[in-house]
Protein backbone atom coordinates (compact mmCIF):
# COMPACT_ATOMS: atom_id res chain seq x y z
CA UNK A 1 -106.02 -174.43 -9.21
CA UNK A 2 -108.88 -173.84 -6.42
CA UNK A 3 -109.71 -170.65 -4.96
CA UNK A 4 -107.50 -169.60 -1.54
CA UNK A 5 -109.95 -169.56 1.58
CA UNK A 6 -108.90 -165.98 2.91
CA UNK A 7 -109.45 -163.05 1.72
CA UNK A 8 -107.31 -159.82 2.67
CA UNK A 9 -108.83 -157.41 4.67
CA UNK A 10 -108.81 -154.47 2.50
CA UNK A 11 -108.59 -154.89 -1.45
CA UNK A 12 -107.58 -151.60 -2.07
CA UNK A 13 -104.20 -152.08 -3.39
CA UNK A 14 -104.18 -149.35 -6.50
CA UNK A 15 -101.29 -146.83 -6.44
CA UNK A 16 -103.61 -143.39 -5.97
CA UNK A 17 -105.27 -142.98 -4.54
CA UNK A 18 -104.25 -145.94 -2.18
CA UNK A 19 -106.19 -147.48 0.74
CA UNK A 20 -107.08 -145.63 3.59
CA UNK A 21 -105.41 -145.50 6.58
CA UNK A 22 -106.60 -149.45 8.56
CA UNK A 23 -109.75 -148.56 10.63
CA UNK A 24 -110.91 -145.64 8.93
CA UNK A 25 -114.45 -144.62 8.51
CA UNK A 26 -116.13 -141.64 6.97
CA UNK A 27 -117.26 -141.12 10.40
CA UNK A 28 -113.56 -139.78 10.68
CA UNK A 29 -114.52 -136.95 8.57
CA UNK A 30 -117.75 -135.66 11.18
CA UNK A 31 -116.10 -132.35 11.86
CA UNK A 32 -115.39 -131.25 8.51
CA UNK A 33 -116.04 -128.07 7.91
CA UNK A 34 -118.03 -128.04 4.87
CA UNK A 35 -120.33 -125.24 3.49
CA UNK A 36 -117.92 -122.75 5.31
CA UNK A 37 -115.18 -120.55 3.43
CA UNK A 38 -111.85 -121.72 3.59
CA UNK A 39 -110.74 -117.89 4.52
CA UNK A 40 -112.84 -118.20 7.55
CA UNK A 41 -110.60 -118.39 10.98
CA UNK A 42 -111.26 -122.27 11.94
CA UNK A 43 -110.96 -123.32 8.44
CA UNK A 44 -108.00 -122.21 8.06
CA UNK A 45 -106.73 -122.96 11.32
CA UNK A 46 -107.19 -126.47 9.75
CA UNK A 47 -105.10 -125.99 6.92
CA UNK A 48 -102.27 -124.42 9.01
CA UNK A 49 -102.49 -127.63 11.01
CA UNK A 50 -102.08 -129.51 8.22
CA UNK A 51 -98.51 -127.79 7.08
CA UNK A 52 -97.61 -127.60 10.73
CA UNK A 53 -98.28 -131.72 11.53
CA UNK A 54 -96.67 -132.71 7.71
CA UNK A 55 -93.74 -130.16 8.32
CA UNK A 56 -93.22 -132.13 11.84
CA UNK A 57 -93.76 -135.54 10.58
CA UNK A 58 -91.43 -135.29 8.12
CA UNK A 59 -88.83 -133.60 10.20
CA UNK A 60 -88.47 -130.29 7.93
CA UNK A 61 -86.01 -127.99 9.04
CA UNK A 62 -87.18 -124.84 10.48
CA UNK A 63 -86.45 -122.42 7.74
CA UNK A 64 -88.36 -124.57 4.39
CA UNK A 65 -91.43 -123.12 3.74
CA UNK A 66 -94.49 -125.48 3.05
CA UNK A 67 -97.94 -124.71 1.34
CA UNK A 68 -100.92 -125.96 0.02
CA UNK A 69 -101.21 -125.74 -3.47
CA UNK A 70 -103.65 -126.83 -6.35
CA UNK A 71 -103.63 -129.62 -8.85
CA UNK A 72 -101.92 -132.40 -6.41
CA UNK A 73 -98.12 -133.09 -7.15
CA UNK A 74 -98.66 -132.39 -10.70
CA UNK A 75 -99.91 -129.06 -9.99
CA UNK A 76 -97.20 -128.62 -7.53
CA UNK A 77 -94.40 -129.61 -9.01
CA UNK A 78 -95.54 -127.22 -12.54
CA UNK A 79 -95.68 -124.24 -10.08
CA UNK A 80 -92.25 -125.34 -9.31
CA UNK A 81 -90.50 -125.48 -12.89
CA UNK A 82 -92.72 -122.24 -14.61
CA UNK A 83 -91.62 -120.45 -11.46
CA UNK A 84 -87.87 -121.34 -11.19
CA UNK A 85 -86.71 -122.92 -14.06
CA UNK A 86 -84.51 -121.35 -16.97
CA UNK A 87 -81.96 -119.24 -14.93
CA UNK A 88 -79.14 -122.36 -15.25
CA UNK A 89 -79.10 -125.22 -17.50
CA UNK A 90 -81.51 -128.09 -16.94
CA UNK A 91 -80.56 -132.01 -16.12
CA UNK A 92 -84.20 -133.85 -16.13
CA UNK A 93 -83.69 -137.13 -14.82
CA UNK A 94 -86.10 -139.58 -16.32
CA UNK A 95 -86.96 -143.50 -15.52
CA UNK A 96 -90.14 -143.48 -15.78
CA UNK A 97 -93.62 -141.85 -17.31
CA UNK A 98 -93.35 -138.78 -14.69
CA UNK A 99 -89.96 -138.29 -15.30
CA UNK A 100 -90.83 -138.07 -19.04
CA UNK A 101 -93.27 -135.93 -18.58
CA UNK A 102 -91.02 -133.16 -16.92
CA UNK A 103 -88.73 -133.76 -19.75
CA UNK A 104 -91.60 -132.92 -22.82
CA UNK A 105 -92.42 -130.16 -20.58
CA UNK A 106 -88.82 -128.30 -19.99
CA UNK A 107 -88.19 -129.41 -23.90
CA UNK A 108 -91.42 -128.11 -25.53
CA UNK A 109 -93.41 -126.04 -22.81
CA UNK A 110 -90.89 -123.81 -21.53
CA UNK A 111 -88.35 -124.47 -24.29
CA UNK A 112 -85.30 -124.39 -22.27
CA UNK A 113 -82.97 -124.88 -24.57
CA UNK A 114 -79.47 -125.63 -22.01
CA UNK A 115 -81.30 -128.61 -21.29
CA UNK A 116 -80.26 -132.53 -21.22
CA UNK A 117 -81.74 -135.53 -20.26
CA UNK A 118 -80.57 -138.17 -17.98
CA UNK A 119 -82.51 -141.57 -18.79
CA UNK A 120 -82.74 -144.94 -18.07
CA UNK A 121 -85.21 -147.73 -19.32
CA UNK A 122 -87.72 -149.22 -17.22
CA UNK A 123 -86.60 -151.22 -14.02
CA UNK A 124 -83.09 -149.17 -13.65
CA UNK A 125 -81.76 -145.38 -13.17
CA UNK A 126 -79.63 -143.50 -15.23
CA UNK A 127 -75.91 -142.40 -13.23
CA UNK A 128 -76.42 -140.56 -10.61
CA UNK A 129 -74.12 -137.52 -11.92
CA UNK A 130 -75.73 -134.52 -11.44
CA UNK A 131 -73.50 -131.45 -12.37
CA UNK A 132 -73.98 -129.00 -9.39
CA UNK A 133 -73.60 -125.40 -11.47
CA UNK A 134 -77.06 -126.90 -13.17
CA UNK A 135 -80.54 -127.37 -11.84
CA UNK A 136 -81.78 -130.92 -11.54
CA UNK A 137 -85.22 -131.99 -11.59
CA UNK A 138 -86.02 -135.51 -10.47
CA UNK A 139 -88.62 -138.10 -9.11
CA UNK A 140 -87.27 -140.03 -6.34
CA UNK A 141 -89.47 -142.79 -6.48
CA UNK A 142 -90.84 -143.86 -9.74
CA UNK A 143 -94.27 -144.94 -9.40
CA UNK A 144 -94.71 -146.59 -12.58
CA UNK A 145 -91.59 -148.05 -12.52
CA UNK A 146 -91.25 -149.22 -9.46
CA UNK A 147 -87.37 -147.47 -9.14
CA UNK A 148 -86.13 -145.00 -6.47
CA UNK A 149 -82.78 -143.23 -6.15
CA UNK A 150 -81.21 -145.02 -2.79
CA UNK A 151 -79.95 -141.71 -1.15
CA UNK A 152 -78.80 -138.08 -1.98
CA UNK A 153 -75.24 -138.86 -1.66
CA UNK A 154 -74.58 -138.36 -5.34
CA UNK A 155 -76.14 -134.74 -4.80
CA UNK A 156 -73.47 -131.96 -3.89
CA UNK A 157 -73.85 -130.47 -1.01
CA UNK A 158 -72.19 -126.80 -2.44
CA UNK A 159 -74.36 -127.28 -5.21
CA UNK A 160 -75.15 -123.80 -7.42
CA UNK A 161 -78.02 -124.92 -8.94
CA UNK A 162 -81.44 -125.86 -7.45
CA UNK A 163 -82.83 -129.46 -7.26
CA UNK A 164 -87.00 -130.13 -7.53
CA UNK A 165 -87.37 -133.47 -6.65
CA UNK A 166 -91.36 -135.01 -7.04
CA UNK A 167 -91.75 -137.08 -4.19
CA UNK A 168 -95.25 -137.58 -4.58
CA UNK A 169 -94.75 -141.81 -3.93
CA UNK A 170 -91.70 -141.34 -1.92
CA UNK A 171 -92.97 -138.87 1.26
CA UNK A 172 -93.60 -140.81 4.03
CA UNK A 173 -92.84 -143.56 3.16
CA UNK A 174 -88.91 -143.01 2.34
CA UNK A 175 -85.83 -140.83 4.17
CA UNK A 176 -85.47 -137.89 2.33
CA UNK A 177 -82.03 -135.35 2.63
CA UNK A 178 -83.36 -132.09 2.78
CA UNK A 179 -80.50 -130.61 2.68
CA UNK A 180 -80.26 -131.90 -0.57
CA UNK A 181 -83.84 -131.15 -1.78
CA UNK A 182 -84.51 -127.11 -2.44
CA UNK A 183 -88.03 -128.27 -4.07
CA UNK A 184 -89.67 -130.84 -3.13
CA UNK A 185 -93.34 -131.85 -4.13
CA UNK A 186 -95.89 -134.31 -3.06
CA UNK A 187 -99.86 -135.25 -3.16
CA UNK A 188 -102.01 -136.15 -0.49
CA UNK A 189 -103.87 -139.70 -2.16
CA UNK A 190 -100.35 -141.51 -2.00
CA UNK A 191 -98.73 -142.60 1.58
CA UNK A 192 -101.38 -141.27 4.05
CA UNK A 193 -103.87 -142.24 1.94
CA UNK A 194 -105.58 -139.17 1.19
CA UNK A 195 -107.73 -137.64 -1.39
CA UNK A 196 -107.15 -136.30 -4.54
CA UNK A 197 -106.87 -133.11 -6.28
CA UNK A 198 -104.12 -130.87 -3.40
CA UNK A 199 -100.62 -130.31 -3.77
CA UNK A 200 -97.90 -129.90 -1.59
CA UNK A 201 -94.79 -127.09 -1.91
CA UNK A 202 -91.98 -127.26 0.13
CA UNK A 203 -89.42 -125.02 -0.81
CA UNK A 204 -86.26 -124.39 0.46
CA UNK A 205 -84.07 -120.92 1.16
CA UNK A 206 -81.81 -121.17 -1.77
CA UNK A 207 -85.32 -121.67 -3.57
CA UNK A 208 -87.12 -118.59 -2.41
CA UNK A 209 -83.69 -116.72 -2.96
CA UNK A 210 -84.13 -118.12 -6.39
CA UNK A 211 -88.01 -117.00 -6.49
CA UNK A 212 -87.04 -113.70 -5.40
CA UNK A 213 -84.34 -112.84 -7.65
CA UNK A 214 -84.99 -114.32 -10.49
CA UNK A 215 -88.35 -113.75 -13.20
CA UNK A 216 -89.26 -116.19 -15.42
CA UNK A 217 -89.07 -115.04 -19.01
CA UNK A 218 -93.01 -116.82 -19.51
CA UNK A 219 -96.55 -115.61 -18.97
CA UNK A 220 -97.62 -117.28 -15.63
CA UNK A 221 -101.67 -118.00 -15.30
CA UNK A 222 -102.46 -117.08 -11.68
CA UNK A 223 -103.14 -120.66 -10.19
CA UNK A 224 -98.71 -120.70 -10.74
CA UNK A 225 -97.59 -117.98 -9.02
CA UNK A 226 -95.79 -118.04 -6.40
CA UNK A 227 -94.55 -114.27 -6.21
CA UNK A 228 -95.80 -110.65 -5.98
CA UNK A 229 -93.84 -107.54 -6.92
CA UNK A 230 -90.71 -109.75 -6.67
CA UNK A 231 -91.04 -111.28 -3.69
CA UNK A 232 -92.55 -114.45 -2.33
CA UNK A 233 -96.48 -114.61 -1.45
CA UNK A 234 -96.19 -116.02 2.04
CA UNK A 235 -99.80 -116.23 2.42
CA UNK A 236 -99.27 -119.81 0.56
CA UNK A 237 -97.19 -121.22 3.14
CA UNK A 238 -99.73 -119.69 6.20
CA UNK A 239 -103.10 -121.40 4.99
CA UNK A 240 -103.75 -118.57 2.32
CA UNK A 241 -104.37 -120.78 -0.71
CA UNK A 242 -104.16 -120.11 -4.03
CA UNK A 243 -107.85 -121.24 -4.91
CA UNK A 244 -110.45 -123.26 -2.66
CA UNK A 245 -109.76 -126.39 -0.96
CA UNK A 246 -111.59 -128.65 -0.35
CA UNK A 247 -112.25 -129.19 3.61
CA UNK A 248 -113.65 -132.13 3.30
CA UNK A 249 -110.56 -133.81 2.22
CA UNK A 250 -108.39 -131.50 4.45
CA UNK A 251 -110.04 -132.90 7.34
CA UNK A 252 -109.16 -136.40 6.09
CA UNK A 253 -105.56 -135.06 5.63
CA UNK A 254 -105.34 -134.34 9.44
CA UNK A 255 -107.19 -137.78 10.04
CA UNK A 256 -103.82 -139.52 8.33
CA UNK A 257 -101.66 -137.41 10.20
CA UNK A 258 -103.19 -138.32 13.75
CA UNK A 259 -103.11 -142.09 12.78
CA UNK A 260 -99.19 -141.78 11.21
CA UNK A 261 -98.72 -139.87 14.62
CA UNK A 262 -99.93 -142.08 16.63
CA UNK A 263 -98.35 -145.29 15.07
CA UNK A 264 -94.73 -144.03 16.03
CA UNK A 265 -94.11 -140.82 13.28
CA UNK A 266 -92.10 -140.87 10.29
CA UNK A 267 -90.19 -144.01 11.47
CA UNK A 268 -93.06 -146.94 12.11
CA UNK A 269 -94.90 -145.28 8.18
CA UNK A 270 -90.86 -146.44 7.02
CA UNK A 271 -91.10 -149.57 8.72
CA UNK A 272 -94.40 -150.01 7.38
CA UNK A 273 -93.60 -150.03 4.17
CA UNK A 274 -90.43 -151.45 4.08
CA UNK A 275 -92.36 -154.76 5.20
CA UNK A 276 -95.27 -154.73 2.63
CA UNK A 277 -91.85 -155.12 0.12
CA UNK A 278 -90.76 -157.68 2.13
CA UNK A 279 -93.56 -160.04 1.99
CA UNK A 280 -93.34 -159.34 -2.10
CA UNK A 281 -90.05 -160.58 -1.94
CA UNK A 282 -89.86 -163.41 -0.37
CA UNK A 283 -93.38 -164.50 -2.55
CA UNK A 284 -91.33 -163.48 -5.25
CA UNK A 285 -87.90 -165.61 -4.56
CA UNK A 286 -90.24 -168.75 -4.22
CA UNK A 287 -92.29 -168.49 -7.37
CA UNK A 288 -90.97 -168.97 -10.90
CA UNK A 289 -93.10 -166.89 -12.98
CA UNK A 290 -92.94 -163.68 -11.62
CA UNK A 291 -89.82 -161.27 -11.12
CA UNK A 292 -89.58 -157.60 -10.00
CA UNK A 293 -89.31 -154.74 -13.08
CA UNK A 294 -86.41 -153.52 -10.58
CA UNK A 295 -83.65 -156.09 -10.42
CA UNK A 296 -81.15 -153.98 -7.88
CA UNK A 297 -82.41 -154.17 -4.68
CA UNK A 298 -80.88 -151.43 -3.27
CA UNK A 299 -83.14 -149.13 -6.28
CA UNK A 300 -86.44 -150.70 -5.52
CA UNK A 301 -89.50 -148.67 -4.54
CA UNK A 302 -91.01 -150.41 -1.21
CA UNK A 303 -94.75 -147.68 -2.58
CA UNK A 304 -94.74 -148.90 -6.14
CA UNK A 305 -93.94 -152.24 -6.41
CA UNK A 306 -94.02 -152.80 -9.88
CA UNK A 307 -93.69 -157.02 -11.35
CA UNK A 308 -93.24 -158.55 -14.77
CA UNK A 309 -94.35 -161.79 -15.53
CA UNK A 310 -91.52 -163.78 -16.13
CA UNK A 311 -93.29 -167.24 -17.52
CA UNK A 312 -92.06 -167.94 -20.96
CA UNK A 313 -95.46 -168.64 -22.39
CA UNK A 314 -96.46 -165.40 -21.45
CA UNK A 315 -93.29 -163.78 -21.86
CA UNK A 316 -93.25 -164.46 -25.03
CA UNK A 317 -96.72 -162.68 -26.01
CA UNK A 318 -96.31 -160.04 -28.27
CA UNK A 319 -96.59 -156.82 -26.06
CA UNK A 320 -100.39 -156.20 -26.73
CA UNK A 321 -101.72 -159.89 -26.09
CA UNK A 322 -99.16 -159.48 -22.57
CA UNK A 323 -101.11 -156.41 -21.60
CA UNK A 324 -104.46 -158.53 -22.79
CA UNK A 325 -102.93 -161.51 -20.08
CA UNK A 326 -102.41 -158.99 -17.16
CA UNK A 327 -106.19 -157.49 -17.96
CA UNK A 328 -107.76 -160.88 -17.92
CA UNK A 329 -106.16 -161.52 -14.74
CA UNK A 330 -106.53 -158.43 -12.65
CA UNK A 331 -110.22 -158.69 -13.65
CA UNK A 332 -110.48 -161.79 -12.00
CA UNK A 333 -109.31 -160.40 -8.54
CA UNK A 334 -111.62 -157.42 -8.86
CA UNK A 335 -114.49 -159.82 -9.54
CA UNK A 336 -113.13 -161.80 -6.45
CA UNK A 337 -112.73 -158.25 -4.27
CA UNK A 338 -109.61 -159.73 -3.52
CA UNK A 339 -107.72 -156.54 -5.41
CA UNK A 340 -108.36 -153.89 -7.10
CA UNK A 341 -106.55 -151.64 -9.77
CA UNK A 342 -103.18 -153.42 -9.56
CA UNK A 343 -102.37 -153.70 -13.47
CA UNK A 344 -99.41 -151.65 -14.04
CA UNK A 345 -99.13 -148.06 -15.81
CA UNK A 346 -100.52 -147.96 -19.19
CA UNK A 347 -96.61 -146.49 -19.96
CA UNK A 348 -94.59 -149.03 -18.46
CA UNK A 349 -94.22 -152.91 -19.82
CA UNK A 350 -96.99 -155.38 -19.15
CA UNK A 351 -96.86 -156.10 -15.38
CA UNK A 352 -98.30 -155.81 -12.26
CA UNK A 353 -98.42 -152.66 -9.62
CA UNK A 354 -99.03 -153.18 -6.00
CA UNK A 355 -98.80 -150.55 -3.54
CA UNK A 356 -97.20 -150.98 -0.51
CA UNK A 357 -97.23 -147.23 1.85
CA UNK A 358 -97.73 -147.17 4.90
CA UNK A 359 -101.73 -147.56 5.05
CA UNK A 360 -101.49 -151.38 3.36
CA UNK A 361 -101.10 -153.90 5.86
CA UNK A 362 -98.56 -156.60 5.29
CA UNK A 363 -101.27 -159.25 6.25
CA UNK A 364 -103.10 -157.87 3.56
CA UNK A 365 -100.77 -158.44 1.17
CA UNK A 366 -100.33 -161.90 2.19
CA UNK A 367 -103.68 -162.70 1.98
CA UNK A 368 -103.37 -161.17 -1.66
CA UNK A 369 -100.78 -163.61 -2.63
CA UNK A 370 -102.46 -166.97 -2.97
CA UNK A 371 -105.04 -165.06 -5.21
CA UNK A 372 -102.66 -163.98 -7.33
CA UNK A 373 -101.59 -167.54 -8.37
CA UNK A 374 -105.02 -168.68 -8.76
CA UNK A 375 -105.65 -165.76 -10.72
CA UNK A 376 -102.72 -166.46 -12.99
CA UNK A 377 -103.24 -170.31 -13.18
CA UNK A 378 -106.81 -169.09 -14.44
CA UNK A 379 -105.67 -166.72 -17.33
CA UNK A 380 -103.16 -168.85 -18.46
CA UNK A 381 -105.37 -171.77 -18.74
CA UNK A 382 -108.11 -169.55 -20.70
CA UNK A 383 -105.00 -168.70 -22.77
CA UNK A 384 -104.43 -171.94 -24.07
CA UNK A 385 -100.67 -171.08 -22.75
């Protein structure tokens, strides 16, 4: 099979950090307040602007708080768990590696005895049955599995427990029902293509009430503390960060938010991601050697699009040989400069993972597909399959 002639305009299809917004250049950071204290009024004003524009774009209720915290989405979610869990029994939903990571923290770090694991294999969801008397820890979109929860209808409106939602690869790409989410976290390096290391934490009034009325039995490092003397540290949600953020990254986040506003806001972002999934779905229907890891369309992610190779010759290989096949296939694409970082996550079944968030152009995904076919054919021939 000959090499395709057309190449993607942007070969960055990895799932984090993800592609920058169309037309981005380093010049977009020209107004960054580098060399300045993040506590200076104008630098703090930039952080406050990130919070305000994020609030508007996401459509947060007025009484929800949003803050910038350290450690990317992981830091934000750990902060939530360490501050809030332990007051009630905890259900942890795990259908990919990050959910299992949160379950491990609940069991081995926080050592919460009254815990239940609700799990499913990669490509599926566990039954969406939540006890409203218990706290719930879950990911909205499985970045490593390509599976998402379809909606929030299964979460009780009159629940006594809190819902803690890791939404890092869902925020800005999927409709999130804020009335069903008490804690929500995400990072900049996903749907808006921002830089790494910064996390976002969103709290409902119910979460704040828990914070101010409950003291966990374990010590809390300074980096994770959300309260002082039994009261919420409001400064975190007013641009007063716990540690020093990168003002370059802050400027880049503002650039991504401004781009999202220009193209039509949240509805436009969701539509762009949905269009990217449709490109891959149409191709998968006519391509016999590939299939979605998530068989059911209702739970299929539009951002972390996970595929498995179902060609009998490859699927019949031992897992380590399948992984080697994927490594060879993706290396060919990287060498050609047409796709970077598209191998499936190391904890997932061997396969491919294409980012379909809003910063990716559907035309670039369409241009990539013939290259995937070429690389598959070349790797199959090289393996003698």
